[in-house]
């Protein structure tokens, strides 16, 4: 009680009011959620499952639908630039254009092939955090019906021009974009850009 009286007497009332107001609203701002981003992730997951479970369509048709789903909902230009890292500064405009084209095909084939494993899994959105005006982190859990496994997946979402796009998935704390960047870096700095192009072309042809 004596300590409270000392504070009350030494700190002006206006400052006390400001501090109370600040600490009441600051957590709300810091941990603001984005319901629309959560709905975007949930819908994306449901759309993928609808495609995968549609047995009336042949494999090629479903693959094309999955490819389009990825192309329309992933910020591929941003992801491509990120995976090149600092090495991007060494490339000519022509080489950058070549890489972006290859990366788009590589990404779509890579992701689409992995989506087939998603057929027996359910995704649940558990929250989100608005990092700033354009970047949101959506937290989800994926449950496997086959083995009961539970995986935590965070979606890094970019919002611009009234559109949400996926920029990264963080699976159990591991960033897929960062992992891809490190894999490309090991090739670029040891064997050069032509070798990376060759590896991407071979992957695209064989999948």
N, C-alpha and C. Protein backbone atom coordinates (compact mmCIF):
# COMPACT_ATOMS: atom_id res chain seq x y z
N UNK A 1 0.83 -1.20 0.00
CA UNK A 1 0.00 0.00 0.00
C UNK A 1 0.86 1.25 0.00
N UNK A 2 1.92 1.28 0.80
CA UNK A 2 2.80 2.44 0.86
C UNK A 2 3.49 2.64 -0.47
N UNK A 3 3.87 1.53 -1.15
CA UNK A 3 4.54 1.64 -2.43
C UNK A 3 3.61 2.26 -3.46
N UNK A 4 2.35 1.86 -3.45
CA UNK A 4 1.37 2.41 -4.40
C UNK A 4 1.19 3.89 -4.16
N UNK A 5 1.16 4.32 -2.91
CA UNK A 5 0.98 5.73 -2.59
C UNK A 5 2.15 6.56 -3.08
N UNK A 6 3.39 6.01 -2.98
CA UNK A 6 4.57 6.72 -3.46
C UNK A 6 4.49 6.93 -4.96
N UNK A 7 4.10 5.84 -5.69
CA UNK A 7 3.96 5.95 -7.14
C UNK A 7 2.90 6.97 -7.51
N UNK A 8 1.79 6.91 -6.82
CA UNK A 8 0.68 7.81 -7.11
C UNK A 8 1.06 9.25 -6.89
N UNK A 9 1.87 9.49 -5.89
CA UNK A 9 2.24 10.86 -5.56
C UNK A 9 3.33 11.40 -6.47
N UNK A 10 4.21 10.51 -6.98
CA UNK A 10 5.36 10.98 -7.76
C UNK A 10 5.10 10.99 -9.26
N UNK A 11 4.15 10.19 -9.77
CA UNK A 11 3.86 10.13 -11.19
C UNK A 11 2.58 10.91 -11.47
N UNK A 12 2.64 11.90 -12.36
CA UNK A 12 1.45 12.68 -12.70
C UNK A 12 0.31 11.79 -13.18
N UNK A 13 -0.89 12.20 -12.89
CA UNK A 13 -2.07 11.40 -13.22
C UNK A 13 -2.20 11.16 -14.71
N UNK A 14 -1.85 12.18 -15.53
CA UNK A 14 -1.97 12.04 -16.98
C UNK A 14 -1.06 10.94 -17.52
N UNK A 15 0.16 10.84 -16.93
CA UNK A 15 1.10 9.82 -17.37
C UNK A 15 0.59 8.44 -16.98
N UNK A 16 0.03 8.34 -15.79
CA UNK A 16 -0.53 7.07 -15.35
C UNK A 16 -1.65 6.62 -16.29
N UNK A 17 -2.50 7.56 -16.66
CA UNK A 17 -3.60 7.23 -17.57
C UNK A 17 -3.08 6.76 -18.93
N UNK A 18 -2.00 7.43 -19.40
CA UNK A 18 -1.42 7.06 -20.68
C UNK A 18 -0.82 5.66 -20.63
N UNK A 19 -0.12 5.35 -19.52
CA UNK A 19 0.49 4.03 -19.39
C UNK A 19 -0.56 2.94 -19.36
N UNK A 20 -1.64 3.17 -18.65
CA UNK A 20 -2.73 2.19 -18.59
C UNK A 20 -3.30 1.98 -19.99
N UNK A 21 -3.55 3.08 -20.71
CA UNK A 21 -4.10 3.00 -22.05
C UNK A 21 -3.15 2.27 -23.00
N UNK A 22 -1.87 2.58 -22.90
CA UNK A 22 -0.85 1.99 -23.77
C UNK A 22 -0.78 0.48 -23.60
N UNK A 23 -0.70 0.03 -22.36
CA UNK A 23 -0.54 -1.40 -22.12
C UNK A 23 -1.82 -2.18 -22.38
N UNK A 24 -2.95 -1.48 -22.41
CA UNK A 24 -4.20 -2.16 -22.74
C UNK A 24 -4.33 -2.40 -24.24
N UNK A 25 -3.91 -1.42 -25.04
CA UNK A 25 -4.11 -1.55 -26.49
C UNK A 25 -2.91 -2.17 -27.20
N UNK A 26 -1.72 -2.06 -26.63
CA UNK A 26 -0.53 -2.52 -27.33
C UNK A 26 -0.55 -4.02 -27.65
N UNK A 27 -0.94 -4.91 -26.73
CA UNK A 27 -0.99 -6.32 -27.05
C UNK A 27 -1.97 -6.61 -28.19
N UNK A 28 -3.08 -5.87 -28.22
CA UNK A 28 -4.06 -6.09 -29.28
C UNK A 28 -3.46 -5.77 -30.64
N UNK A 29 -2.69 -4.70 -30.71
CA UNK A 29 -2.07 -4.32 -31.98
C UNK A 29 -0.98 -5.31 -32.37
N UNK A 30 -0.17 -5.71 -31.42
CA UNK A 30 0.95 -6.59 -31.71
C UNK A 30 0.49 -7.96 -32.20
N UNK A 31 -0.56 -8.48 -31.61
CA UNK A 31 -1.01 -9.82 -31.95
C UNK A 31 -2.32 -9.81 -32.73
N UNK A 32 -2.51 -8.76 -33.55
CA UNK A 32 -3.71 -8.66 -34.37
C UNK A 32 -3.80 -9.86 -35.31
N UNK A 33 -5.01 -10.36 -35.50
CA UNK A 33 -5.22 -11.50 -36.38
C UNK A 33 -5.76 -11.01 -37.73
N UNK A 34 -5.77 -11.90 -38.69
CA UNK A 34 -6.31 -11.59 -40.01
C UNK A 34 -7.24 -12.73 -40.41
N UNK A 35 -8.53 -12.54 -40.17
CA UNK A 35 -9.52 -13.57 -40.45
C UNK A 35 -9.58 -13.93 -41.92
N UNK A 36 -9.43 -12.93 -42.79
CA UNK A 36 -9.48 -13.20 -44.22
C UNK A 36 -8.32 -14.07 -44.68
N UNK A 37 -7.15 -13.85 -44.10
CA UNK A 37 -6.00 -14.70 -44.43
C UNK A 37 -6.23 -16.13 -43.97
N UNK A 38 -6.84 -16.27 -42.81
CA UNK A 38 -7.18 -17.60 -42.30
C UNK A 38 -8.16 -18.31 -43.24
N UNK A 39 -9.17 -17.56 -43.72
CA UNK A 39 -10.15 -18.12 -44.65
C UNK A 39 -9.49 -18.51 -45.97
N UNK A 40 -8.52 -17.70 -46.40
CA UNK A 40 -7.79 -17.99 -47.63
C UNK A 40 -7.06 -19.33 -47.53
N UNK A 41 -6.36 -19.55 -46.43
CA UNK A 41 -5.62 -20.80 -46.24
C UNK A 41 -6.58 -21.98 -46.14
N UNK A 42 -7.66 -21.79 -45.39
CA UNK A 42 -8.66 -22.85 -45.24
C UNK A 42 -9.28 -23.23 -46.58
N UNK A 43 -9.62 -22.23 -47.37
CA UNK A 43 -10.23 -22.50 -48.68
C UNK A 43 -9.23 -23.16 -49.62
N UNK A 44 -7.99 -22.73 -49.57
CA UNK A 44 -6.95 -23.31 -50.41
C UNK A 44 -6.80 -24.80 -50.11
N UNK A 45 -6.82 -25.12 -48.83
CA UNK A 45 -6.72 -26.51 -48.41
C UNK A 45 -7.92 -27.33 -48.88
N UNK A 46 -9.11 -26.76 -48.73
CA UNK A 46 -10.33 -27.46 -49.15
C UNK A 46 -10.38 -27.66 -50.66
N UNK A 47 -9.95 -26.63 -51.41
CA UNK A 47 -9.93 -26.73 -52.87
C UNK A 47 -9.00 -27.86 -53.33
N UNK A 48 -7.85 -27.97 -52.68
CA UNK A 48 -6.90 -29.02 -53.03
C UNK A 48 -7.50 -30.40 -52.75
N UNK A 49 -8.20 -30.54 -51.63
CA UNK A 49 -8.79 -31.83 -51.28
C UNK A 49 -9.92 -32.20 -52.22
N UNK A 50 -10.69 -31.21 -52.67
CA UNK A 50 -11.77 -31.46 -53.62
C UNK A 50 -11.20 -32.01 -54.93
N UNK A 51 -10.11 -31.41 -55.39
CA UNK A 51 -9.46 -31.86 -56.62
C UNK A 51 -8.93 -33.28 -56.47
N UNK A 52 -8.26 -33.53 -55.36
CA UNK A 52 -7.65 -34.83 -55.14
C UNK A 52 -8.68 -35.94 -54.96
N UNK A 53 -9.82 -35.61 -54.42
CA UNK A 53 -10.85 -36.62 -54.15
C UNK A 53 -11.82 -36.82 -55.31
N UNK A 54 -11.66 -36.03 -56.36
CA UNK A 54 -12.56 -36.12 -57.51
C UNK A 54 -12.12 -37.26 -58.43
N UNK A 55 -12.64 -38.44 -58.18
CA UNK A 55 -12.24 -39.62 -58.94
C UNK A 55 -12.87 -39.65 -60.33
N UNK A 56 -13.82 -38.75 -60.59
CA UNK A 56 -14.45 -38.72 -61.91
C UNK A 56 -13.52 -38.10 -62.96
N UNK A 57 -12.49 -37.38 -62.50
CA UNK A 57 -11.51 -36.78 -63.40
C UNK A 57 -10.29 -37.69 -63.49
N UNK A 58 -9.66 -37.73 -64.66
CA UNK A 58 -8.47 -38.56 -64.79
C UNK A 58 -7.28 -37.86 -64.13
N UNK A 59 -6.18 -38.57 -64.03
CA UNK A 59 -5.00 -38.07 -63.32
C UNK A 59 -4.47 -36.79 -63.96
N UNK A 60 -4.44 -36.74 -65.28
CA UNK A 60 -3.93 -35.57 -65.99
C UNK A 60 -4.77 -34.33 -65.70
N UNK A 61 -6.09 -34.51 -65.67
CA UNK A 61 -6.99 -33.38 -65.41
C UNK A 61 -6.81 -32.86 -64.00
N UNK A 62 -6.69 -33.79 -63.05
CA UNK A 62 -6.49 -33.37 -61.66
C UNK A 62 -5.14 -32.70 -61.48
N UNK A 63 -4.14 -33.20 -62.18
CA UNK A 63 -2.81 -32.60 -62.10
C UNK A 63 -2.83 -31.17 -62.64
N UNK A 64 -3.56 -30.96 -63.72
CA UNK A 64 -3.68 -29.62 -64.30
C UNK A 64 -4.39 -28.68 -63.33
N UNK A 65 -5.40 -29.17 -62.65
CA UNK A 65 -6.13 -28.35 -61.67
C UNK A 65 -5.24 -27.98 -60.48
N UNK A 66 -4.43 -28.93 -60.05
CA UNK A 66 -3.50 -28.67 -58.95
C UNK A 66 -2.44 -27.66 -59.36
N UNK A 67 -1.97 -27.79 -60.60
CA UNK A 67 -0.98 -26.83 -61.12
C UNK A 67 -1.56 -25.42 -61.12
N UNK A 68 -2.79 -25.29 -61.62
CA UNK A 68 -3.44 -23.98 -61.68
C UNK A 68 -3.67 -23.42 -60.28
N UNK A 69 -4.00 -24.30 -59.34
CA UNK A 69 -4.22 -23.87 -57.96
C UNK A 69 -2.93 -23.28 -57.38
N UNK A 70 -1.82 -23.91 -57.66
CA UNK A 70 -0.53 -23.40 -57.17
C UNK A 70 -0.17 -22.08 -57.85
N UNK A 71 -0.32 -22.02 -59.16
CA UNK A 71 0.04 -20.82 -59.92
C UNK A 71 -0.78 -19.60 -59.49
N UNK A 72 -2.03 -19.82 -59.14
CA UNK A 72 -2.92 -18.72 -58.79
C UNK A 72 -2.82 -18.27 -57.34
N UNK A 73 -2.18 -19.07 -56.50
CA UNK A 73 -2.19 -18.77 -55.07
C UNK A 73 -0.82 -18.67 -54.41
N UNK A 74 0.23 -18.79 -55.20
CA UNK A 74 1.60 -18.69 -54.68
C UNK A 74 2.30 -17.51 -55.36
N UNK A 75 3.02 -16.72 -54.58
CA UNK A 75 3.76 -15.57 -55.12
C UNK A 75 5.09 -16.08 -55.69
N UNK A 76 5.01 -16.67 -56.88
CA UNK A 76 6.16 -17.38 -57.45
C UNK A 76 7.34 -16.46 -57.77
N UNK A 77 7.07 -15.25 -58.23
CA UNK A 77 8.17 -14.32 -58.53
C UNK A 77 8.98 -14.01 -57.27
N UNK A 78 8.26 -13.75 -56.18
CA UNK A 78 8.93 -13.43 -54.92
C UNK A 78 9.71 -14.63 -54.39
N UNK A 79 9.11 -15.81 -54.47
CA UNK A 79 9.78 -17.02 -53.99
C UNK A 79 11.02 -17.31 -54.84
N UNK A 80 10.90 -17.15 -56.16
CA UNK A 80 12.04 -17.39 -57.05
C UNK A 80 13.19 -16.45 -56.71
N UNK A 81 12.89 -15.18 -56.53
CA UNK A 81 13.94 -14.21 -56.19
C UNK A 81 14.59 -14.56 -54.86
N UNK A 82 13.78 -14.97 -53.90
CA UNK A 82 14.30 -15.31 -52.57
C UNK A 82 15.23 -16.52 -52.63
N UNK A 83 14.85 -17.53 -53.42
CA UNK A 83 15.66 -18.75 -53.45
C UNK A 83 17.02 -18.54 -54.13
N UNK A 84 17.12 -17.51 -54.96
CA UNK A 84 18.41 -17.20 -55.57
C UNK A 84 19.36 -16.52 -54.60
N UNK A 85 18.80 -15.85 -53.60
CA UNK A 85 19.62 -15.17 -52.61
C UNK A 85 20.49 -14.08 -53.22
N UNK A 86 21.64 -13.87 -52.64
CA UNK A 86 22.56 -12.83 -53.11
C UNK A 86 23.13 -13.14 -54.50
N UNK A 87 23.09 -14.39 -54.89
CA UNK A 87 23.62 -14.78 -56.20
C UNK A 87 22.83 -14.12 -57.33
N UNK A 88 21.64 -13.72 -57.05
CA UNK A 88 20.78 -13.07 -58.05
C UNK A 88 21.45 -11.84 -58.65
N UNK A 89 22.24 -11.14 -57.83
CA UNK A 89 22.92 -9.92 -58.30
C UNK A 89 23.96 -10.22 -59.37
N UNK A 90 24.41 -11.47 -59.44
CA UNK A 90 25.44 -11.84 -60.42
C UNK A 90 24.85 -12.22 -61.77
N UNK A 91 23.54 -12.39 -61.82
CA UNK A 91 22.91 -12.86 -63.04
C UNK A 91 22.46 -11.73 -63.95
N UNK A 92 22.48 -11.99 -65.24
CA UNK A 92 21.97 -11.02 -66.21
C UNK A 92 20.45 -11.08 -66.23
N UNK A 93 19.82 -10.11 -66.86
CA UNK A 93 18.36 -10.11 -66.95
C UNK A 93 17.87 -11.35 -67.68
N UNK A 94 18.60 -11.77 -68.68
CA UNK A 94 18.23 -12.96 -69.44
C UNK A 94 18.29 -14.21 -68.57
N UNK A 95 19.33 -14.31 -67.75
CA UNK A 95 19.47 -15.47 -66.85
C UNK A 95 18.38 -15.47 -65.78
N UNK A 96 18.04 -14.29 -65.28
CA UNK A 96 16.96 -14.19 -64.30
C UNK A 96 15.64 -14.64 -64.89
N UNK A 97 15.39 -14.23 -66.14
CA UNK A 97 14.16 -14.62 -66.82
C UNK A 97 14.11 -16.12 -67.05
N UNK A 98 15.24 -16.69 -67.44
CA UNK A 98 15.33 -18.14 -67.64
C UNK A 98 15.05 -18.89 -66.35
N UNK A 99 15.65 -18.41 -65.25
CA UNK A 99 15.47 -19.06 -63.96
C UNK A 99 14.01 -18.99 -63.51
N UNK A 100 13.38 -17.83 -63.66
CA UNK A 100 11.99 -17.69 -63.21
C UNK A 100 11.06 -18.64 -63.95
N UNK A 101 11.29 -18.80 -65.25
CA UNK A 101 10.48 -19.72 -66.02
C UNK A 101 10.66 -21.16 -65.57
N UNK A 102 11.91 -21.55 -65.36
CA UNK A 102 12.21 -22.90 -64.89
C UNK A 102 11.70 -23.13 -63.48
N UNK A 103 11.88 -22.11 -62.63
CA UNK A 103 11.47 -22.26 -61.24
C UNK A 103 9.96 -22.44 -61.15
N UNK A 104 9.22 -21.74 -61.97
CA UNK A 104 7.75 -21.87 -61.96
C UNK A 104 7.35 -23.31 -62.25
N UNK A 105 7.93 -23.89 -63.31
CA UNK A 105 7.60 -25.28 -63.67
C UNK A 105 8.09 -26.25 -62.60
N UNK A 106 9.29 -25.99 -62.08
CA UNK A 106 9.85 -26.85 -61.03
C UNK A 106 8.98 -26.82 -59.78
N UNK A 107 8.59 -25.62 -59.37
CA UNK A 107 7.79 -25.46 -58.15
C UNK A 107 6.44 -26.15 -58.28
N UNK A 108 5.78 -25.91 -59.40
CA UNK A 108 4.45 -26.48 -59.60
C UNK A 108 4.50 -28.00 -59.60
N UNK A 109 5.46 -28.57 -60.29
CA UNK A 109 5.57 -30.03 -60.33
C UNK A 109 5.96 -30.60 -58.96
N UNK A 110 6.82 -29.91 -58.27
CA UNK A 110 7.27 -30.36 -56.96
C UNK A 110 6.13 -30.33 -55.94
N UNK A 111 5.42 -29.20 -55.91
CA UNK A 111 4.32 -29.04 -54.95
C UNK A 111 3.15 -29.95 -55.29
N UNK A 112 2.80 -30.01 -56.57
CA UNK A 112 1.65 -30.83 -56.98
C UNK A 112 1.86 -32.30 -56.64
N UNK A 113 3.09 -32.77 -56.81
CA UNK A 113 3.38 -34.18 -56.49
C UNK A 113 3.22 -34.45 -55.00
N UNK A 114 3.57 -33.45 -54.18
CA UNK A 114 3.46 -33.62 -52.73
C UNK A 114 2.02 -33.47 -52.25
N UNK A 115 1.21 -32.74 -53.01
CA UNK A 115 -0.18 -32.55 -52.60
C UNK A 115 -0.96 -33.87 -52.61
N UNK A 116 -0.51 -34.84 -53.40
CA UNK A 116 -1.19 -36.13 -53.43
C UNK A 116 -1.13 -36.81 -52.06
N UNK A 117 -0.09 -36.51 -51.29
CA UNK A 117 0.02 -37.07 -49.94
C UNK A 117 -0.94 -36.40 -48.98
N UNK A 118 -1.54 -35.29 -49.43
CA UNK A 118 -2.43 -34.51 -48.58
C UNK A 118 -3.86 -35.05 -48.59
N UNK A 119 -4.13 -36.03 -49.47
CA UNK A 119 -5.49 -36.53 -49.66
C UNK A 119 -6.10 -37.09 -48.38
N UNK A 120 -5.29 -37.74 -47.55
CA UNK A 120 -5.83 -38.36 -46.33
C UNK A 120 -5.60 -37.50 -45.09
N UNK A 121 -5.32 -36.20 -45.29
CA UNK A 121 -5.03 -35.32 -44.16
C UNK A 121 -6.05 -34.19 -44.05
N UNK A 122 -6.25 -33.75 -42.83
CA UNK A 122 -7.16 -32.63 -42.58
C UNK A 122 -6.37 -31.46 -42.01
N UNK A 123 -6.71 -30.28 -42.48
CA UNK A 123 -6.04 -29.06 -42.01
C UNK A 123 -6.99 -28.25 -41.14
N UNK A 124 -6.47 -27.77 -40.02
CA UNK A 124 -7.26 -26.93 -39.12
C UNK A 124 -6.50 -25.63 -38.84
N UNK A 125 -7.14 -24.51 -39.13
CA UNK A 125 -6.54 -23.21 -38.83
C UNK A 125 -6.71 -22.93 -37.34
N UNK A 126 -5.61 -22.62 -36.65
CA UNK A 126 -5.68 -22.40 -35.21
C UNK A 126 -5.41 -20.95 -34.82
N UNK A 127 -5.08 -20.10 -35.81
CA UNK A 127 -4.86 -18.69 -35.48
C UNK A 127 -4.03 -18.00 -36.54
N UNK A 128 -3.79 -16.72 -36.33
CA UNK A 128 -2.97 -15.95 -37.27
C UNK A 128 -2.37 -14.75 -36.54
N UNK A 129 -1.35 -14.19 -37.15
CA UNK A 129 -0.69 -13.01 -36.59
C UNK A 129 -0.35 -12.07 -37.73
N UNK A 130 -0.87 -10.88 -37.68
CA UNK A 130 -0.59 -9.88 -38.71
C UNK A 130 0.73 -9.21 -38.38
N UNK A 131 1.76 -9.51 -39.17
CA UNK A 131 3.10 -8.99 -38.90
C UNK A 131 3.22 -7.52 -39.28
N UNK A 132 2.59 -7.15 -40.38
CA UNK A 132 2.51 -5.75 -40.81
C UNK A 132 1.36 -5.64 -41.80
N UNK A 133 1.31 -4.57 -42.56
CA UNK A 133 0.17 -4.35 -43.46
C UNK A 133 0.10 -5.36 -44.60
N UNK A 134 1.22 -5.98 -44.95
CA UNK A 134 1.23 -6.88 -46.11
C UNK A 134 1.59 -8.33 -45.78
N UNK A 135 2.09 -8.60 -44.59
CA UNK A 135 2.54 -9.95 -44.25
C UNK A 135 1.79 -10.52 -43.06
N UNK A 136 1.28 -11.73 -43.25
CA UNK A 136 0.52 -12.41 -42.21
C UNK A 136 1.04 -13.82 -42.02
N UNK A 137 1.07 -14.27 -40.79
CA UNK A 137 1.45 -15.64 -40.48
C UNK A 137 0.19 -16.39 -40.01
N UNK A 138 -0.20 -17.39 -40.77
CA UNK A 138 -1.39 -18.18 -40.42
C UNK A 138 -0.93 -19.51 -39.84
N UNK A 139 -1.38 -19.82 -38.64
CA UNK A 139 -0.97 -21.04 -37.94
C UNK A 139 -1.99 -22.15 -38.17
N UNK A 140 -1.50 -23.31 -38.57
CA UNK A 140 -2.39 -24.45 -38.81
C UNK A 140 -1.82 -25.73 -38.22
N UNK A 141 -2.68 -26.72 -38.09
CA UNK A 141 -2.27 -28.07 -37.73
C UNK A 141 -2.83 -29.01 -38.79
N UNK A 142 -2.00 -29.94 -39.22
CA UNK A 142 -2.43 -30.93 -40.20
C UNK A 142 -2.47 -32.30 -39.52
N UNK A 143 -3.63 -32.95 -39.64
CA UNK A 143 -3.83 -34.24 -39.00
C UNK A 143 -3.89 -35.33 -40.06
N UNK A 144 -3.12 -36.38 -39.87
CA UNK A 144 -3.11 -37.50 -40.80
C UNK A 144 -4.09 -38.57 -40.32
N UNK A 145 -5.03 -38.94 -41.18
CA UNK A 145 -6.00 -39.97 -40.82
C UNK A 145 -5.35 -41.35 -40.81
N UNK A 146 -4.30 -41.48 -41.59
CA UNK A 146 -3.66 -42.78 -41.74
C UNK A 146 -2.91 -43.21 -40.48
N UNK A 147 -2.08 -42.32 -39.94
CA UNK A 147 -1.27 -42.69 -38.79
C UNK A 147 -1.50 -41.82 -37.55
N UNK A 148 -2.45 -40.88 -37.65
CA UNK A 148 -2.76 -40.03 -36.50
C UNK A 148 -1.71 -38.98 -36.20
N UNK A 149 -0.77 -38.80 -37.10
CA UNK A 149 0.29 -37.82 -36.88
C UNK A 149 -0.25 -36.40 -36.98
N UNK A 150 0.30 -35.52 -36.14
CA UNK A 150 -0.10 -34.11 -36.13
C UNK A 150 1.11 -33.24 -36.43
N UNK A 151 0.97 -32.37 -37.42
CA UNK A 151 2.08 -31.52 -37.85
C UNK A 151 1.67 -30.05 -37.77
N UNK A 152 2.54 -29.24 -37.22
CA UNK A 152 2.29 -27.80 -37.14
C UNK A 152 2.88 -27.14 -38.38
N UNK A 153 2.05 -26.42 -39.12
CA UNK A 153 2.48 -25.73 -40.33
C UNK A 153 2.05 -24.27 -40.27
N UNK A 154 3.02 -23.38 -40.40
CA UNK A 154 2.73 -21.94 -40.45
C UNK A 154 2.85 -21.47 -41.89
N UNK A 155 1.85 -20.72 -42.33
CA UNK A 155 1.80 -20.21 -43.70
C UNK A 155 2.17 -18.74 -43.69
N UNK A 156 3.21 -18.38 -44.45
CA UNK A 156 3.57 -16.97 -44.60
C UNK A 156 2.80 -16.42 -45.80
N UNK A 157 1.88 -15.53 -45.51
CA UNK A 157 0.97 -15.00 -46.53
C UNK A 157 1.30 -13.54 -46.82
N UNK A 158 1.29 -13.21 -48.11
CA UNK A 158 1.53 -11.84 -48.55
C UNK A 158 0.23 -11.27 -49.10
N UNK A 159 -0.12 -10.05 -48.69
CA UNK A 159 -1.36 -9.42 -49.13
C UNK A 159 -1.05 -8.14 -49.90
N UNK A 160 -1.52 -8.08 -51.15
CA UNK A 160 -1.30 -6.90 -51.98
C UNK A 160 -2.36 -6.85 -53.07
N UNK A 161 -2.84 -5.65 -53.37
CA UNK A 161 -3.86 -5.46 -54.42
C UNK A 161 -5.08 -6.35 -54.17
N UNK A 162 -5.49 -6.40 -52.89
CA UNK A 162 -6.67 -7.17 -52.49
C UNK A 162 -6.56 -8.66 -52.80
N UNK A 163 -5.35 -9.17 -52.80
CA UNK A 163 -5.14 -10.59 -53.08
C UNK A 163 -4.14 -11.19 -52.10
N UNK A 164 -4.48 -12.38 -51.62
CA UNK A 164 -3.59 -13.11 -50.72
C UNK A 164 -2.78 -14.13 -51.52
N UNK A 165 -1.49 -14.23 -51.22
CA UNK A 165 -0.62 -15.18 -51.89
C UNK A 165 0.29 -15.87 -50.88
N UNK A 166 0.59 -17.13 -51.10
CA UNK A 166 1.49 -17.88 -50.22
C UNK A 166 2.93 -17.57 -50.62
N UNK A 167 3.77 -17.29 -49.62
CA UNK A 167 5.19 -17.06 -49.89
C UNK A 167 6.09 -18.11 -49.25
N UNK A 168 5.58 -18.79 -48.25
CA UNK A 168 6.42 -19.81 -47.60
C UNK A 168 5.55 -20.67 -46.69
N UNK A 169 6.02 -21.89 -46.47
CA UNK A 169 5.43 -22.77 -45.48
C UNK A 169 6.52 -23.13 -44.48
N UNK A 170 6.19 -23.00 -43.21
CA UNK A 170 7.14 -23.35 -42.15
C UNK A 170 6.60 -24.59 -41.45
N UNK A 171 7.23 -25.73 -41.73
CA UNK A 171 6.76 -27.02 -41.22
C UNK A 171 7.58 -27.41 -40.00
N UNK A 172 6.90 -27.45 -38.85
CA UNK A 172 7.59 -27.78 -37.59
C UNK A 172 8.84 -26.92 -37.40
N UNK A 173 8.71 -25.62 -37.75
CA UNK A 173 9.81 -24.68 -37.55
C UNK A 173 10.80 -24.60 -38.70
N UNK A 174 10.62 -25.44 -39.71
CA UNK A 174 11.55 -25.46 -40.85
C UNK A 174 10.93 -24.76 -42.05
N UNK A 175 11.55 -23.67 -42.49
CA UNK A 175 11.07 -22.91 -43.64
C UNK A 175 11.42 -23.64 -44.94
N UNK A 176 10.40 -23.93 -45.74
CA UNK A 176 10.64 -24.62 -47.00
C UNK A 176 11.36 -23.72 -48.00
N UNK A 177 11.02 -22.42 -47.99
CA UNK A 177 11.68 -21.48 -48.90
C UNK A 177 13.15 -21.33 -48.55
N UNK A 178 13.44 -21.26 -47.26
CA UNK A 178 14.84 -21.12 -46.83
C UNK A 178 15.63 -22.38 -47.14
N UNK A 179 15.00 -23.54 -46.94
CA UNK A 179 15.66 -24.80 -47.27
C UNK A 179 15.99 -24.87 -48.76
N UNK A 180 15.02 -24.44 -49.60
CA UNK A 180 15.26 -24.44 -51.04
C UNK A 180 16.38 -23.48 -51.40
N UNK A 181 16.40 -22.33 -50.74
CA UNK A 181 17.45 -21.34 -50.98
C UNK A 181 18.83 -21.90 -50.65
N UNK A 182 18.93 -22.63 -49.55
CA UNK A 182 20.21 -23.21 -49.16
C UNK A 182 20.65 -24.29 -50.14
N UNK A 183 19.69 -25.08 -50.64
CA UNK A 183 20.02 -26.12 -51.61
C UNK A 183 20.53 -25.50 -52.92
N UNK A 184 19.84 -24.45 -53.37
CA UNK A 184 20.27 -23.77 -54.60
C UNK A 184 21.63 -23.11 -54.41
N UNK A 185 21.84 -22.52 -53.24
CA UNK A 185 23.11 -21.83 -52.97
C UNK A 185 24.29 -22.81 -53.04
N UNK A 186 24.10 -24.01 -52.52
CA UNK A 186 25.18 -25.00 -52.55
C UNK A 186 25.56 -25.36 -53.98
N UNK A 187 24.56 -25.36 -54.87
CA UNK A 187 24.82 -25.66 -56.29
C UNK A 187 25.45 -24.45 -56.99
N UNK A 188 24.86 -23.28 -56.75
CA UNK A 188 25.32 -22.06 -57.42
C UNK A 188 26.78 -21.74 -57.10
N UNK A 189 27.15 -21.86 -55.84
CA UNK A 189 28.50 -21.45 -55.44
C UNK A 189 29.55 -22.54 -55.65
N UNK A 190 29.10 -23.75 -55.89
CA UNK A 190 30.07 -24.83 -56.14
C UNK A 190 30.18 -25.21 -57.61
N UNK A 191 29.04 -25.10 -58.33
CA UNK A 191 29.04 -25.54 -59.73
C UNK A 191 28.57 -24.48 -60.71
N UNK A 192 27.96 -23.40 -60.19
CA UNK A 192 27.56 -22.31 -61.07
C UNK A 192 26.11 -22.38 -61.54
N UNK A 193 25.68 -21.29 -62.14
CA UNK A 193 24.29 -21.15 -62.59
C UNK A 193 23.90 -22.17 -63.67
N UNK A 194 24.76 -22.45 -64.67
CA UNK A 194 24.39 -23.43 -65.71
C UNK A 194 24.03 -24.80 -65.13
N UNK A 195 24.73 -25.20 -64.06
CA UNK A 195 24.44 -26.50 -63.45
C UNK A 195 23.08 -26.50 -62.78
N UNK A 196 22.71 -25.39 -62.14
CA UNK A 196 21.39 -25.29 -61.51
C UNK A 196 20.30 -25.37 -62.58
N UNK A 197 20.51 -24.69 -63.69
CA UNK A 197 19.56 -24.74 -64.80
C UNK A 197 19.39 -26.19 -65.28
N UNK A 198 20.50 -26.88 -65.42
CA UNK A 198 20.47 -28.27 -65.87
C UNK A 198 19.68 -29.16 -64.90
N UNK A 199 19.90 -28.98 -63.62
CA UNK A 199 19.21 -29.78 -62.60
C UNK A 199 17.71 -29.52 -62.64
N UNK A 200 17.33 -28.26 -62.77
CA UNK A 200 15.90 -27.92 -62.83
C UNK A 200 15.26 -28.50 -64.09
N UNK A 201 15.95 -28.40 -65.20
CA UNK A 201 15.42 -28.94 -66.47
C UNK A 201 15.23 -30.45 -66.39
N UNK A 202 16.19 -31.14 -65.79
CA UNK A 202 16.09 -32.61 -65.66
C UNK A 202 14.93 -32.99 -64.74
N UNK A 203 14.73 -32.22 -63.67
CA UNK A 203 13.62 -32.52 -62.75
C UNK A 203 12.29 -32.33 -63.47
N UNK A 204 12.16 -31.25 -64.23
CA UNK A 204 10.92 -30.96 -64.93
C UNK A 204 10.61 -32.06 -65.97
N UNK A 205 11.63 -32.51 -66.69
CA UNK A 205 11.43 -33.54 -67.71
C UNK A 205 11.02 -34.88 -67.11
N UNK A 206 11.54 -35.18 -65.93
CA UNK A 206 11.30 -36.50 -65.32
C UNK A 206 10.08 -36.54 -64.43
N UNK A 207 9.34 -35.44 -64.31
CA UNK A 207 8.16 -35.43 -63.45
C UNK A 207 6.92 -34.94 -64.22
